[in-house]
N, C-alpha and C. Protein backbone atom coordinates (compact mmCIF):
# COMPACT_ATOMS: atom_id res chain seq x y z
N UNK A 1 0.84 -1.19 0.00
CA UNK A 1 0.00 0.00 0.00
C UNK A 1 0.88 1.25 0.00
N UNK A 2 0.58 2.16 -0.94
CA UNK A 2 1.26 3.44 -1.00
C UNK A 2 0.25 4.55 -0.72
N UNK A 3 0.71 5.58 0.00
CA UNK A 3 -0.18 6.66 0.39
C UNK A 3 0.34 7.99 -0.13
N UNK A 4 -0.60 8.81 -0.56
CA UNK A 4 -0.27 10.15 -1.03
C UNK A 4 -1.28 11.11 -0.42
N UNK A 5 -0.80 12.15 0.27
CA UNK A 5 -1.69 13.12 0.90
C UNK A 5 -1.63 14.44 0.16
N UNK A 6 -2.78 14.84 -0.37
CA UNK A 6 -2.91 16.15 -1.01
C UNK A 6 -3.30 17.14 0.09
N UNK A 7 -2.49 18.18 0.28
CA UNK A 7 -2.66 19.05 1.43
C UNK A 7 -2.23 20.47 1.07
N UNK A 8 -2.55 21.40 1.99
CA UNK A 8 -2.07 22.77 1.89
C UNK A 8 -1.29 23.06 3.17
N UNK A 9 -0.17 23.71 3.06
CA UNK A 9 0.76 23.83 4.18
C UNK A 9 0.15 24.50 5.40
N UNK A 10 -0.75 25.46 5.21
CA UNK A 10 -1.30 26.21 6.33
C UNK A 10 -2.74 25.80 6.67
N UNK A 11 -3.23 24.77 6.03
CA UNK A 11 -4.56 24.25 6.33
C UNK A 11 -4.54 23.51 7.66
N UNK A 12 -5.43 23.90 8.58
CA UNK A 12 -5.46 23.24 9.89
C UNK A 12 -5.91 21.79 9.76
N UNK A 13 -6.82 21.50 8.84
CA UNK A 13 -7.26 20.12 8.63
C UNK A 13 -6.12 19.26 8.09
N UNK A 14 -5.32 19.84 7.20
CA UNK A 14 -4.16 19.11 6.68
C UNK A 14 -3.15 18.83 7.79
N UNK A 15 -2.93 19.84 8.65
CA UNK A 15 -1.99 19.68 9.76
C UNK A 15 -2.43 18.53 10.66
N UNK A 16 -3.72 18.40 10.94
CA UNK A 16 -4.21 17.30 11.78
C UNK A 16 -3.74 15.95 11.24
N UNK A 17 -3.92 15.76 9.94
CA UNK A 17 -3.59 14.47 9.34
C UNK A 17 -2.07 14.27 9.29
N UNK A 18 -1.32 15.29 8.92
CA UNK A 18 0.14 15.17 8.92
C UNK A 18 0.64 14.77 10.31
N UNK A 19 0.06 15.38 11.34
CA UNK A 19 0.46 15.10 12.71
C UNK A 19 0.09 13.68 13.11
N UNK A 20 -1.12 13.25 12.76
CA UNK A 20 -1.53 11.87 13.06
C UNK A 20 -0.58 10.87 12.42
N UNK A 21 -0.21 11.14 11.17
CA UNK A 21 0.70 10.23 10.47
C UNK A 21 2.09 10.25 11.12
N UNK A 22 2.53 11.41 11.58
CA UNK A 22 3.83 11.49 12.25
C UNK A 22 3.82 10.69 13.55
N UNK A 23 2.74 10.81 14.32
CA UNK A 23 2.62 10.06 15.57
C UNK A 23 2.65 8.56 15.31
N UNK A 24 1.94 8.13 14.27
CA UNK A 24 1.82 6.70 13.97
C UNK A 24 2.92 6.20 13.05
N UNK A 25 3.80 7.11 12.65
CA UNK A 25 4.92 6.75 11.77
C UNK A 25 4.43 6.10 10.48
N UNK A 26 3.44 6.72 9.87
CA UNK A 26 2.88 6.24 8.61
C UNK A 26 3.61 6.91 7.46
N UNK A 27 4.23 6.12 6.61
CA UNK A 27 4.95 6.66 5.46
C UNK A 27 3.96 7.19 4.42
N UNK A 28 4.24 8.38 3.92
CA UNK A 28 3.30 9.03 3.01
C UNK A 28 4.02 10.05 2.14
N UNK A 29 3.60 10.14 0.89
CA UNK A 29 4.08 11.21 0.01
C UNK A 29 3.14 12.40 0.15
N UNK A 30 3.71 13.60 0.26
CA UNK A 30 2.91 14.81 0.41
C UNK A 30 2.90 15.61 -0.89
N UNK A 31 1.69 15.97 -1.33
CA UNK A 31 1.52 16.74 -2.55
C UNK A 31 0.82 18.04 -2.20
N UNK A 32 1.47 19.17 -2.47
CA UNK A 32 0.93 20.46 -2.11
C UNK A 32 -0.16 20.91 -3.08
N UNK A 33 -1.27 21.38 -2.51
CA UNK A 33 -2.36 21.98 -3.28
C UNK A 33 -2.48 23.43 -2.82
N UNK A 34 -2.23 24.36 -3.73
CA UNK A 34 -2.23 25.78 -3.37
C UNK A 34 -3.66 26.32 -3.43
N UNK A 35 -4.25 26.49 -2.25
CA UNK A 35 -5.63 26.98 -2.17
C UNK A 35 -5.76 28.41 -2.66
N UNK A 36 -4.73 29.22 -2.43
CA UNK A 36 -4.81 30.62 -2.82
C UNK A 36 -4.79 30.79 -4.33
N UNK A 37 -4.21 29.83 -5.03
CA UNK A 37 -4.18 29.88 -6.49
C UNK A 37 -5.30 29.07 -7.13
N UNK A 38 -6.17 28.49 -6.29
CA UNK A 38 -7.35 27.79 -6.80
C UNK A 38 -7.08 26.40 -7.35
N UNK A 39 -5.97 25.78 -6.96
CA UNK A 39 -5.67 24.44 -7.48
C UNK A 39 -6.70 23.40 -7.05
N UNK A 40 -7.41 23.68 -5.95
CA UNK A 40 -8.43 22.75 -5.47
C UNK A 40 -9.69 22.75 -6.35
N UNK A 41 -9.76 23.72 -7.28
CA UNK A 41 -10.92 23.83 -8.16
C UNK A 41 -10.67 23.20 -9.53
N UNK A 42 -9.46 22.73 -9.75
CA UNK A 42 -9.13 22.14 -11.04
C UNK A 42 -9.86 20.81 -11.22
N UNK A 43 -10.25 20.48 -12.47
CA UNK A 43 -11.02 19.26 -12.71
C UNK A 43 -10.36 18.00 -12.17
N UNK A 44 -9.04 17.89 -12.32
CA UNK A 44 -8.36 16.68 -11.86
C UNK A 44 -8.40 16.55 -10.35
N UNK A 45 -8.43 17.69 -9.65
CA UNK A 45 -8.53 17.62 -8.19
C UNK A 45 -9.97 17.31 -7.77
N UNK A 46 -10.94 17.88 -8.45
CA UNK A 46 -12.33 17.63 -8.13
C UNK A 46 -12.72 16.18 -8.39
N UNK A 47 -11.97 15.50 -9.23
CA UNK A 47 -12.19 14.06 -9.41
C UNK A 47 -11.82 13.31 -8.14
N UNK A 48 -10.82 13.80 -7.43
CA UNK A 48 -10.42 13.17 -6.16
C UNK A 48 -11.37 13.55 -5.04
N UNK A 49 -11.81 14.81 -5.03
CA UNK A 49 -12.69 15.31 -3.99
C UNK A 49 -13.63 16.36 -4.58
N UNK A 50 -14.87 15.99 -4.88
CA UNK A 50 -15.81 16.94 -5.48
C UNK A 50 -16.09 18.16 -4.60
N UNK A 51 -15.78 18.06 -3.31
CA UNK A 51 -16.00 19.20 -2.42
C UNK A 51 -14.92 20.26 -2.56
N UNK A 52 -13.82 19.93 -3.22
CA UNK A 52 -12.77 20.90 -3.47
C UNK A 52 -12.08 21.40 -2.23
N UNK A 53 -11.85 20.50 -1.28
CA UNK A 53 -11.17 20.87 -0.04
C UNK A 53 -9.96 19.96 0.17
N UNK A 54 -9.11 20.37 1.11
CA UNK A 54 -8.00 19.55 1.55
C UNK A 54 -8.23 19.18 3.01
N UNK A 55 -7.65 18.06 3.42
CA UNK A 55 -6.78 17.14 2.69
C UNK A 55 -7.57 16.04 1.99
N UNK A 56 -6.88 15.37 1.08
CA UNK A 56 -7.38 14.15 0.44
C UNK A 56 -6.27 13.12 0.50
N UNK A 57 -6.62 11.93 0.92
CA UNK A 57 -5.67 10.82 0.97
C UNK A 57 -5.90 9.89 -0.20
N UNK A 58 -4.85 9.64 -0.98
CA UNK A 58 -4.90 8.65 -2.05
C UNK A 58 -4.27 7.36 -1.54
N UNK A 59 -5.03 6.28 -1.62
CA UNK A 59 -4.58 4.97 -1.15
C UNK A 59 -4.41 4.08 -2.38
N UNK A 60 -3.17 3.69 -2.66
CA UNK A 60 -2.87 2.91 -3.85
C UNK A 60 -2.56 1.48 -3.45
N UNK A 61 -3.36 0.56 -3.94
CA UNK A 61 -3.16 -0.86 -3.68
C UNK A 61 -3.37 -1.64 -4.98
N UNK A 62 -2.40 -2.49 -5.30
CA UNK A 62 -2.47 -3.31 -6.51
C UNK A 62 -2.69 -2.45 -7.75
N UNK A 63 -2.03 -1.30 -7.76
CA UNK A 63 -2.10 -0.42 -8.93
C UNK A 63 -3.37 0.40 -9.05
N UNK A 64 -4.28 0.29 -8.08
CA UNK A 64 -5.54 1.02 -8.13
C UNK A 64 -5.60 2.05 -7.00
N UNK A 65 -6.16 3.21 -7.32
CA UNK A 65 -6.25 4.29 -6.34
C UNK A 65 -7.67 4.45 -5.81
N UNK A 66 -7.73 4.64 -4.51
CA UNK A 66 -8.98 5.04 -3.86
C UNK A 66 -8.70 6.32 -3.08
N UNK A 67 -9.75 7.14 -2.88
CA UNK A 67 -9.55 8.43 -2.26
C UNK A 67 -10.44 8.58 -1.04
N UNK A 68 -9.87 9.24 -0.04
CA UNK A 68 -10.59 9.51 1.20
C UNK A 68 -10.35 10.97 1.57
N UNK A 69 -11.44 11.72 1.75
CA UNK A 69 -11.32 13.12 2.14
C UNK A 69 -11.90 13.31 3.54
N UNK A 70 -11.77 14.53 4.05
CA UNK A 70 -12.18 14.94 5.39
C UNK A 70 -11.20 14.41 6.44
N UNK A 71 -10.61 15.34 7.18
CA UNK A 71 -9.54 14.99 8.11
C UNK A 71 -9.98 14.00 9.18
N UNK A 72 -11.19 14.15 9.71
CA UNK A 72 -11.65 13.23 10.75
C UNK A 72 -11.76 11.82 10.22
N UNK A 73 -12.28 11.68 9.01
CA UNK A 73 -12.39 10.35 8.39
C UNK A 73 -11.02 9.74 8.15
N UNK A 74 -10.07 10.55 7.70
CA UNK A 74 -8.72 10.04 7.45
C UNK A 74 -8.05 9.61 8.75
N UNK A 75 -8.23 10.40 9.82
CA UNK A 75 -7.63 10.03 11.11
C UNK A 75 -8.27 8.76 11.67
N UNK A 76 -9.58 8.61 11.49
CA UNK A 76 -10.25 7.38 11.94
C UNK A 76 -9.74 6.18 11.14
N UNK A 77 -9.54 6.37 9.84
CA UNK A 77 -8.97 5.31 9.00
C UNK A 77 -7.59 4.91 9.51
N UNK A 78 -6.77 5.91 9.82
CA UNK A 78 -5.43 5.63 10.33
C UNK A 78 -5.49 4.90 11.67
N UNK A 79 -6.44 5.28 12.50
CA UNK A 79 -6.60 4.64 13.81
C UNK A 79 -6.98 3.17 13.66
N UNK A 80 -7.79 2.86 12.66
CA UNK A 80 -8.20 1.47 12.42
C UNK A 80 -7.03 0.62 11.92
N UNK A 81 -6.27 1.15 10.98
CA UNK A 81 -5.21 0.36 10.35
C UNK A 81 -3.90 0.39 11.13
N UNK A 82 -3.67 1.48 11.85
CA UNK A 82 -2.42 1.64 12.60
C UNK A 82 -2.78 2.04 14.03
N UNK A 83 -3.26 1.10 14.82
CA UNK A 83 -3.85 1.44 16.12
C UNK A 83 -2.88 1.91 17.19
N UNK A 84 -1.58 1.70 17.01
CA UNK A 84 -0.61 2.11 18.03
C UNK A 84 0.37 3.13 17.48
N UNK A 85 0.63 4.20 18.23
CA UNK A 85 -0.08 4.63 19.44
C UNK A 85 -1.46 5.16 19.11
N UNK A 86 -2.38 5.00 20.05
CA UNK A 86 -3.77 5.34 19.79
C UNK A 86 -4.03 6.83 19.92
N UNK A 87 -4.84 7.34 19.02
CA UNK A 87 -5.34 8.72 19.12
C UNK A 87 -6.66 8.77 19.88
N UNK A 88 -7.21 7.59 20.17
CA UNK A 88 -8.47 7.47 20.89
C UNK A 88 -8.30 6.47 22.03
N UNK A 89 -7.44 6.77 23.00
CA UNK A 89 -7.19 5.82 24.08
C UNK A 89 -8.32 5.82 25.12
N UNK A 90 -8.34 4.75 25.92
CA UNK A 90 -9.29 4.70 27.02
C UNK A 90 -10.53 3.89 26.72
N UNK A 91 -11.48 3.93 27.65
CA UNK A 91 -12.72 3.17 27.50
C UNK A 91 -13.68 3.91 26.57
N UNK A 92 -14.88 3.35 26.41
CA UNK A 92 -15.84 3.92 25.46
C UNK A 92 -16.21 5.36 25.82
N UNK A 93 -16.34 5.63 27.13
CA UNK A 93 -16.69 7.00 27.54
C UNK A 93 -15.57 7.97 27.21
N UNK A 94 -14.33 7.59 27.51
CA UNK A 94 -13.22 8.50 27.22
C UNK A 94 -13.08 8.74 25.73
N UNK A 95 -13.27 7.69 24.93
CA UNK A 95 -13.24 7.88 23.48
C UNK A 95 -14.31 8.88 23.05
N UNK A 96 -15.49 8.79 23.68
CA UNK A 96 -16.56 9.74 23.38
C UNK A 96 -16.18 11.16 23.75
N UNK A 97 -15.52 11.33 24.89
CA UNK A 97 -15.08 12.66 25.32
C UNK A 97 -14.07 13.23 24.34
N UNK A 98 -13.13 12.40 23.89
CA UNK A 98 -12.12 12.86 22.93
C UNK A 98 -12.79 13.30 21.63
N UNK A 99 -13.73 12.50 21.15
CA UNK A 99 -14.43 12.87 19.92
C UNK A 99 -15.26 14.13 20.12
N UNK A 100 -15.85 14.27 21.30
CA UNK A 100 -16.64 15.47 21.61
C UNK A 100 -15.78 16.72 21.50
N UNK A 101 -14.62 16.70 22.13
CA UNK A 101 -13.73 17.85 22.08
C UNK A 101 -13.25 18.12 20.66
N UNK A 102 -12.93 17.05 19.94
CA UNK A 102 -12.49 17.22 18.56
C UNK A 102 -13.56 17.90 17.72
N UNK A 103 -14.83 17.54 17.96
CA UNK A 103 -15.90 18.11 17.16
C UNK A 103 -16.23 19.54 17.54
N UNK A 104 -15.91 19.95 18.77
CA UNK A 104 -16.05 21.37 19.12
C UNK A 104 -15.23 22.20 18.13
N UNK A 105 -14.05 21.69 17.80
CA UNK A 105 -13.19 22.38 16.83
C UNK A 105 -13.63 22.09 15.41
N UNK A 106 -13.77 20.81 15.09
CA UNK A 106 -13.99 20.39 13.71
C UNK A 106 -15.32 20.87 13.14
N UNK A 107 -16.39 20.81 13.94
CA UNK A 107 -17.70 21.20 13.42
C UNK A 107 -18.18 22.54 13.95
N UNK A 108 -17.64 22.97 15.12
CA UNK A 108 -18.12 24.20 15.71
C UNK A 108 -17.34 25.44 15.35
N UNK A 109 -16.04 25.28 15.09
CA UNK A 109 -15.20 26.45 14.78
C UNK A 109 -14.71 26.43 13.34
N UNK A 110 -14.09 25.34 12.95
CA UNK A 110 -13.38 25.30 11.67
C UNK A 110 -14.24 25.65 10.45
N UNK A 111 -15.44 25.03 10.29
CA UNK A 111 -16.17 25.30 9.05
C UNK A 111 -16.59 26.75 8.86
N UNK A 112 -16.91 27.44 9.95
CA UNK A 112 -17.45 28.80 9.80
C UNK A 112 -16.39 29.88 9.72
N UNK A 113 -15.11 29.50 9.90
CA UNK A 113 -14.09 30.54 9.80
C UNK A 113 -13.00 30.21 8.79
N UNK A 114 -13.24 29.16 7.97
CA UNK A 114 -12.24 28.90 6.95
C UNK A 114 -12.38 29.90 5.79
N UNK A 115 -11.43 29.86 4.90
CA UNK A 115 -11.28 30.93 3.92
C UNK A 115 -12.50 31.14 3.04
N UNK A 116 -13.08 30.06 2.52
CA UNK A 116 -14.17 30.25 1.57
C UNK A 116 -15.44 30.78 2.24
N UNK A 117 -15.65 30.41 3.52
CA UNK A 117 -16.80 30.94 4.25
C UNK A 117 -16.60 32.41 4.57
N UNK A 118 -15.39 32.76 5.00
CA UNK A 118 -15.09 34.16 5.32
C UNK A 118 -15.26 35.05 4.09
N UNK A 119 -14.82 34.58 2.94
CA UNK A 119 -14.95 35.38 1.72
C UNK A 119 -16.40 35.51 1.28
N UNK A 120 -17.20 34.47 1.52
CA UNK A 120 -18.62 34.54 1.19
C UNK A 120 -19.33 35.53 2.12
N UNK A 121 -18.90 35.52 3.38
CA UNK A 121 -19.49 36.44 4.37
C UNK A 121 -19.19 37.89 4.01
N UNK A 122 -17.94 38.18 3.65
CA UNK A 122 -17.56 39.55 3.33
C UNK A 122 -16.26 39.55 2.54
N UNK A 123 -16.11 40.52 1.68
CA UNK A 123 -14.85 40.72 0.98
C UNK A 123 -13.93 41.66 1.74
N UNK A 124 -14.43 42.24 2.83
CA UNK A 124 -13.66 43.15 3.66
C UNK A 124 -12.83 42.35 4.66
N UNK A 125 -11.52 42.53 4.63
CA UNK A 125 -10.65 41.71 5.47
C UNK A 125 -10.89 41.93 6.96
N UNK A 126 -11.21 43.15 7.35
CA UNK A 126 -11.47 43.42 8.77
C UNK A 126 -12.75 42.72 9.23
N UNK A 127 -13.76 42.72 8.37
CA UNK A 127 -15.00 42.01 8.68
C UNK A 127 -14.74 40.50 8.78
N UNK A 128 -13.92 39.99 7.87
CA UNK A 128 -13.58 38.58 7.90
C UNK A 128 -12.89 38.21 9.22
N UNK A 129 -11.96 39.06 9.64
CA UNK A 129 -11.24 38.82 10.88
C UNK A 129 -12.17 38.87 12.08
N UNK A 130 -13.09 39.82 12.07
CA UNK A 130 -14.06 39.94 13.16
C UNK A 130 -14.93 38.69 13.25
N UNK A 131 -15.37 38.20 12.10
CA UNK A 131 -16.18 36.98 12.03
C UNK A 131 -15.42 35.78 12.57
N UNK A 132 -14.18 35.60 12.10
CA UNK A 132 -13.37 34.47 12.54
C UNK A 132 -13.10 34.54 14.04
N UNK A 133 -12.78 35.74 14.53
CA UNK A 133 -12.48 35.91 15.95
C UNK A 133 -13.68 35.54 16.81
N UNK A 134 -14.86 35.94 16.39
CA UNK A 134 -16.08 35.62 17.15
C UNK A 134 -16.25 34.12 17.32
N UNK A 135 -16.12 33.36 16.23
CA UNK A 135 -16.39 31.93 16.28
C UNK A 135 -15.26 31.16 16.96
N UNK A 136 -14.03 31.59 16.78
CA UNK A 136 -12.93 30.94 17.48
C UNK A 136 -13.08 31.12 18.99
N UNK A 137 -13.35 32.33 19.42
CA UNK A 137 -13.47 32.59 20.86
C UNK A 137 -14.68 31.87 21.46
N UNK A 138 -15.78 31.81 20.73
CA UNK A 138 -16.95 31.10 21.22
C UNK A 138 -16.65 29.62 21.41
N UNK A 139 -15.99 29.03 20.42
CA UNK A 139 -15.64 27.61 20.51
C UNK A 139 -14.60 27.33 21.58
N UNK A 140 -13.60 28.19 21.67
CA UNK A 140 -12.56 28.01 22.69
C UNK A 140 -13.13 28.13 24.10
N UNK A 141 -14.11 29.01 24.30
CA UNK A 141 -14.73 29.14 25.61
C UNK A 141 -15.39 27.83 26.02
N UNK A 142 -16.08 27.20 25.09
CA UNK A 142 -16.71 25.91 25.38
C UNK A 142 -15.66 24.84 25.63
N UNK A 143 -14.63 24.80 24.79
CA UNK A 143 -13.56 23.80 24.93
C UNK A 143 -12.90 23.92 26.30
N UNK A 144 -12.60 25.15 26.70
CA UNK A 144 -11.96 25.40 27.99
C UNK A 144 -12.81 24.85 29.14
N UNK A 145 -14.11 25.04 29.07
CA UNK A 145 -15.00 24.56 30.13
C UNK A 145 -15.10 23.04 30.13
N UNK A 146 -15.17 22.44 28.94
CA UNK A 146 -15.25 20.97 28.85
C UNK A 146 -14.02 20.33 29.48
N UNK A 147 -12.87 20.97 29.35
CA UNK A 147 -11.62 20.36 29.79
C UNK A 147 -11.39 20.42 31.30
N UNK A 148 -12.26 21.09 32.01
CA UNK A 148 -12.05 21.20 33.46
C UNK A 148 -11.98 19.83 34.14
N UNK A 149 -12.67 18.86 33.56
CA UNK A 149 -12.69 17.53 34.15
C UNK A 149 -11.77 16.53 33.44
N UNK A 150 -11.14 16.95 32.35
CA UNK A 150 -10.41 15.98 31.53
C UNK A 150 -8.92 16.28 31.36
N UNK A 151 -8.53 17.54 31.45
CA UNK A 151 -7.18 17.93 31.05
C UNK A 151 -6.12 17.44 32.02
N UNK A 152 -5.02 16.98 31.44
CA UNK A 152 -3.78 16.74 32.15
C UNK A 152 -2.74 17.60 31.46
N UNK A 153 -1.71 16.95 30.98
CA UNK A 153 -0.74 17.70 30.16
C UNK A 153 -1.38 18.12 28.84
N UNK A 154 -2.32 17.28 28.37
CA UNK A 154 -3.02 17.57 27.12
C UNK A 154 -4.52 17.59 27.38
N UNK A 155 -5.33 17.59 26.33
CA UNK A 155 -6.77 17.82 26.49
C UNK A 155 -7.47 16.75 27.33
N UNK A 156 -7.06 15.51 27.13
CA UNK A 156 -7.63 14.40 27.90
C UNK A 156 -6.47 13.61 28.48
N UNK A 157 -6.11 13.93 29.70
CA UNK A 157 -4.99 13.25 30.34
C UNK A 157 -3.65 13.72 29.83
N UNK A 158 -2.69 12.81 29.89
CA UNK A 158 -1.29 13.16 29.58
C UNK A 158 -0.82 12.63 28.24
N UNK A 159 -1.73 12.13 27.42
CA UNK A 159 -1.38 11.61 26.10
C UNK A 159 -2.05 12.45 25.03
N UNK A 160 -1.32 12.74 23.98
CA UNK A 160 -1.92 13.47 22.85
C UNK A 160 -2.98 12.60 22.20
N UNK A 161 -4.14 13.19 21.96
CA UNK A 161 -5.25 12.48 21.35
C UNK A 161 -5.77 13.24 20.14
N UNK A 162 -6.79 12.70 19.52
CA UNK A 162 -7.41 13.34 18.37
C UNK A 162 -7.92 14.73 18.72
N UNK A 163 -8.32 14.94 19.97
CA UNK A 163 -8.77 16.27 20.39
C UNK A 163 -7.66 17.30 20.22
N UNK A 164 -6.46 16.95 20.65
CA UNK A 164 -5.32 17.87 20.53
C UNK A 164 -4.96 18.12 19.08
N UNK A 165 -5.09 17.08 18.25
CA UNK A 165 -4.78 17.23 16.84
C UNK A 165 -5.71 18.23 16.16
N UNK A 166 -6.91 18.39 16.70
CA UNK A 166 -7.82 19.42 16.19
C UNK A 166 -7.56 20.77 16.85
N UNK A 167 -7.27 20.75 18.14
CA UNK A 167 -7.12 21.99 18.89
C UNK A 167 -5.90 22.81 18.47
N UNK A 168 -4.74 22.18 18.39
CA UNK A 168 -3.50 22.95 18.21
C UNK A 168 -3.46 23.71 16.88
N UNK A 169 -3.83 23.10 15.74
CA UNK A 169 -3.86 23.89 14.51
C UNK A 169 -4.84 25.06 14.59
N UNK A 170 -5.94 24.87 15.34
CA UNK A 170 -6.87 25.98 15.50
C UNK A 170 -6.28 27.09 16.36
N UNK A 171 -5.44 26.72 17.33
CA UNK A 171 -4.70 27.72 18.11
C UNK A 171 -3.78 28.54 17.20
N UNK A 172 -3.16 27.86 16.26
CA UNK A 172 -2.29 28.53 15.28
C UNK A 172 -3.10 29.57 14.50
N UNK A 173 -4.32 29.19 14.09
CA UNK A 173 -5.19 30.14 13.38
C UNK A 173 -5.59 31.29 14.30
N UNK A 174 -5.84 30.97 15.56
CA UNK A 174 -6.23 32.02 16.51
C UNK A 174 -5.11 33.05 16.68
N UNK A 175 -3.88 32.57 16.76
CA UNK A 175 -2.75 33.48 16.91
C UNK A 175 -2.60 34.36 15.66
N UNK A 176 -2.86 33.79 14.49
CA UNK A 176 -2.82 34.57 13.26
C UNK A 176 -3.89 35.67 13.25
N UNK A 177 -4.99 35.41 13.97
CA UNK A 177 -6.07 36.39 14.08
C UNK A 177 -5.88 37.33 15.27
N UNK A 178 -4.70 37.25 15.90
CA UNK A 178 -4.34 38.12 17.03
C UNK A 178 -5.21 37.87 18.27
N UNK A 179 -5.66 36.64 18.43
CA UNK A 179 -6.39 36.25 19.63
C UNK A 179 -5.37 35.82 20.68
N UNK A 180 -5.45 36.39 21.87
CA UNK A 180 -4.52 36.05 22.94
C UNK A 180 -4.92 34.72 23.57
N UNK A 181 -4.10 33.70 23.38
CA UNK A 181 -4.42 32.40 23.95
C UNK A 181 -4.49 32.43 25.46
N UNK A 182 -3.80 33.39 26.07
CA UNK A 182 -3.81 33.50 27.53
C UNK A 182 -5.21 33.72 28.08
N UNK A 183 -6.13 34.16 27.22
CA UNK A 183 -7.53 34.30 27.62
C UNK A 183 -8.12 32.95 27.99
N UNK A 184 -7.53 31.89 27.44
CA UNK A 184 -7.98 30.52 27.68
C UNK A 184 -6.79 29.76 28.28
N UNK A 185 -6.59 29.85 29.59
CA UNK A 185 -5.33 29.38 30.19
C UNK A 185 -5.04 27.90 30.01
N UNK A 186 -6.08 27.06 30.06
CA UNK A 186 -5.82 25.62 29.88
C UNK A 186 -5.43 25.32 28.45
N UNK A 187 -6.11 25.95 27.51
CA UNK A 187 -5.76 25.79 26.10
C UNK A 187 -4.34 26.28 25.86
N UNK A 188 -3.99 27.41 26.43
CA UNK A 188 -2.63 27.96 26.25
C UNK A 188 -1.58 27.00 26.79
N UNK A 189 -1.84 26.37 27.92
CA UNK A 189 -0.91 25.42 28.52
C UNK A 189 -0.73 24.20 27.62
N UNK A 190 -1.84 23.70 27.09
CA UNK A 190 -1.79 22.52 26.23
C UNK A 190 -1.08 22.85 24.92
N UNK A 191 -1.35 24.03 24.38
CA UNK A 191 -0.69 24.46 23.14
C UNK A 191 0.82 24.47 23.32
N UNK A 192 1.29 25.05 24.42
CA UNK A 192 2.74 25.13 24.67
C UNK A 192 3.36 23.75 24.79
N UNK A 193 2.67 22.83 25.44
CA UNK A 193 3.19 21.47 25.60
C UNK A 193 3.19 20.71 24.28
N UNK A 194 2.13 20.87 23.50
CA UNK A 194 1.99 20.10 22.27
C UNK A 194 2.97 20.52 21.19
N UNK A 195 3.14 21.84 21.01
CA UNK A 195 4.02 22.29 19.92
C UNK A 195 5.48 21.97 20.20
N UNK A 196 5.80 21.59 21.43
CA UNK A 196 7.18 21.22 21.75
C UNK A 196 7.49 19.77 21.42
N UNK A 197 6.46 18.98 21.08
CA UNK A 197 6.69 17.56 20.78
C UNK A 197 7.27 17.41 19.37
N UNK A 198 8.16 16.44 19.15
CA UNK A 198 8.79 16.31 17.83
C UNK A 198 7.79 16.00 16.71
N UNK A 199 6.75 15.23 17.01
CA UNK A 199 5.78 14.89 15.97
C UNK A 199 4.99 16.12 15.52
N UNK A 200 4.65 16.98 16.48
CA UNK A 200 3.94 18.21 16.12
C UNK A 200 4.83 19.12 15.28
N UNK A 201 6.09 19.23 15.68
CA UNK A 201 7.03 20.05 14.91
C UNK A 201 7.19 19.51 13.49
N UNK A 202 7.24 18.19 13.35
CA UNK A 202 7.44 17.58 12.04
C UNK A 202 6.26 17.81 11.10
N UNK A 203 5.07 18.03 11.69
CA UNK A 203 3.85 18.22 10.88
C UNK A 203 3.45 19.68 10.73
N UNK A 204 4.17 20.57 11.37
CA UNK A 204 3.78 21.98 11.45
C UNK A 204 3.81 22.66 10.09
N UNK A 205 3.05 23.75 9.93
CA UNK A 205 3.05 24.47 8.65
C UNK A 205 4.44 24.90 8.20
N UNK A 206 5.28 25.32 9.14
CA UNK A 206 6.61 25.80 8.78
C UNK A 206 7.44 24.73 8.06
N UNK A 207 7.20 23.48 8.38
CA UNK A 207 7.94 22.38 7.74
C UNK A 207 7.51 22.18 6.29
N UNK A 208 6.33 22.70 5.94
CA UNK A 208 5.79 22.47 4.60
C UNK A 208 5.58 23.76 3.82
N UNK A 209 6.03 24.86 4.39
CA UNK A 209 5.86 26.15 3.70
C UNK A 209 6.63 26.16 2.39
N UNK A 210 5.99 26.55 1.30
CA UNK A 210 6.67 26.56 0.00
C UNK A 210 7.88 27.51 -0.01
């Protein structure tokens, strides 16, 4: 089996998958898709993912390619095929908590503040920033409260989980929007711990910047 990940260097969803693969030591070829130049709208890319988003995983087996899009689906696929180390450790309840936190980011923050939504909302950059800041802060406030019973060194205990893989790239976006992470002290603590890990560094946008 050969794997190819179509990604954008600063995409938070792409970062999640790169990080998951780094943690699980999954060998993969990375192919850059420049969202700012509209490469995701090209016919050959839309054949891989009609939604025109990144990331997309190409899975090649016996000379045939299959494609999987959406970062959560790709991470779940990786968890099934490469279970160690686990991104969803613990019993059924803890797995549910991890998924809950991940979805606060994945479904509550990310979709409404990504580039194409912001541009549809307004062509004014200040308005776009105001919109993104509102939704990031609203989601982070909920995340901070949920973690009161779960956080250790990371979001759920002392092991990096799928929740952290969603949270940290969103923190990166928050900093780009000039949001002070110190407003959310538990999130800020987890961010500092996570970005210091070698796997997070290996998957970070700076490692893939053109």
